[in-house]
Amino acid sequence: MTELGLYLAKRSINKAEVARRTRISKSRISQLSANPRTHLRAEELYLISLAIGVDPCEVLKEIFKGRGLP
């Protein structure tokens, strides 16, 4: 599971509802939630954040926590 997937699961957010609100396909939402090799695009992050009613910066901080410059 990806950090985005954990974030959505922790908050009991329905991925099908996110897909409906964002017009991002259910399969793409599932990929973003489950496959760590899938790259999240900025536009997708923004749309998902709007759909769940959270500031995009909060989502960014949560899914990239623990990462820093080498």
Protein backbone atom coordinates (compact mmCIF):
# COMPACT_ATOMS: atom_id res chain seq x y z
CA MET A 1 0.00 0.00 0.00
CA THR A 2 1.20 3.54 -0.72
CA GLU A 3 1.30 6.48 1.66
CA LEU A 4 -1.72 7.90 -0.19
CA GLY A 5 -3.53 4.59 0.26
CA LEU A 6 -2.73 4.59 3.98
CA TYR A 7 -3.87 8.21 4.26
CA LEU A 8 -7.22 7.44 2.63
CA ALA A 9 -7.70 4.23 4.64
CA LYS A 10 -6.83 5.91 7.94
CA ARG A 11 -9.57 8.44 7.30
CA SER A 12 -12.05 5.84 6.00
CA ILE A 13 -12.35 7.65 2.69
CA ASN A 14 -14.27 5.80 -0.01
CA LYS A 15 -12.07 5.52 -3.10
CA ALA A 16 -15.06 5.04 -5.41
CA GLU A 17 -16.50 8.33 -4.17
CA VAL A 18 -13.13 10.05 -4.70
CA ALA A 19 -13.05 8.66 -8.24
CA ARG A 20 -16.57 9.93 -8.91
CA ARG A 21 -15.86 13.41 -7.55
CA THR A 22 -12.50 13.83 -9.27
CA ARG A 23 -13.29 12.01 -12.52
CA ILE A 24 -10.10 10.04 -12.01
CA SER A 25 -10.83 6.43 -12.92
CA LYS A 26 -11.39 3.91 -10.13
CA SER A 27 -8.50 1.85 -11.46
CA ARG A 28 -6.16 4.85 -11.33
CA ILE A 29 -7.23 5.62 -7.73
CA SER A 30 -6.59 1.97 -6.87
CA GLN A 31 -3.14 2.11 -8.50
CA LEU A 32 -2.27 5.28 -6.60
CA SER A 33 -3.41 3.63 -3.37
CA ALA A 34 -1.77 0.25 -3.79
CA ASN A 35 1.22 0.37 -6.13
CA PRO A 36 4.30 2.18 -4.79
CA ARG A 37 5.75 2.37 -8.31
CA THR A 38 2.82 4.51 -9.49
CA HIS A 39 3.64 8.20 -9.60
CA LEU A 40 1.09 10.66 -8.23
CA ARG A 41 0.67 13.69 -10.49
CA ALA A 42 0.25 17.16 -8.99
CA GLU A 43 -3.15 17.57 -10.65
CA GLU A 44 -4.33 14.26 -9.19
CA LEU A 45 -3.16 15.26 -5.71
CA TYR A 46 -4.98 18.57 -6.03
CA LEU A 47 -8.23 16.98 -7.24
CA ILE A 48 -8.14 14.27 -4.56
CA SER A 49 -7.53 16.90 -1.88
CA LEU A 50 -10.50 18.94 -3.08
CA ALA A 51 -12.69 15.83 -3.20
CA ILE A 52 -11.92 14.89 0.41
CA GLY A 53 -12.06 18.47 1.70
CA VAL A 54 -8.44 18.69 2.82
CA ASP A 55 -5.76 21.27 2.03
CA PRO A 56 -3.40 19.81 -0.60
CA CYS A 57 -0.42 20.83 1.56
CA GLU A 58 -1.67 18.61 4.38
CA VAL A 59 -1.92 15.64 2.03
CA LEU A 60 1.56 16.37 0.64
CA LYS A 61 3.07 16.55 4.12
CA GLU A 62 1.41 13.29 5.12
CA ILE A 63 2.33 11.24 2.07
CA PHE A 64 5.91 12.51 1.90
CA LYS A 65 6.66 12.54 5.64
CA GLY A 66 10.02 11.16 6.54
CA ARG A 67 11.54 12.13 3.22
CA GLY A 68 14.13 14.82 3.05
CA LEU A 69 17.15 15.92 1.17
CA PRO A 70 20.03 13.44 1.15
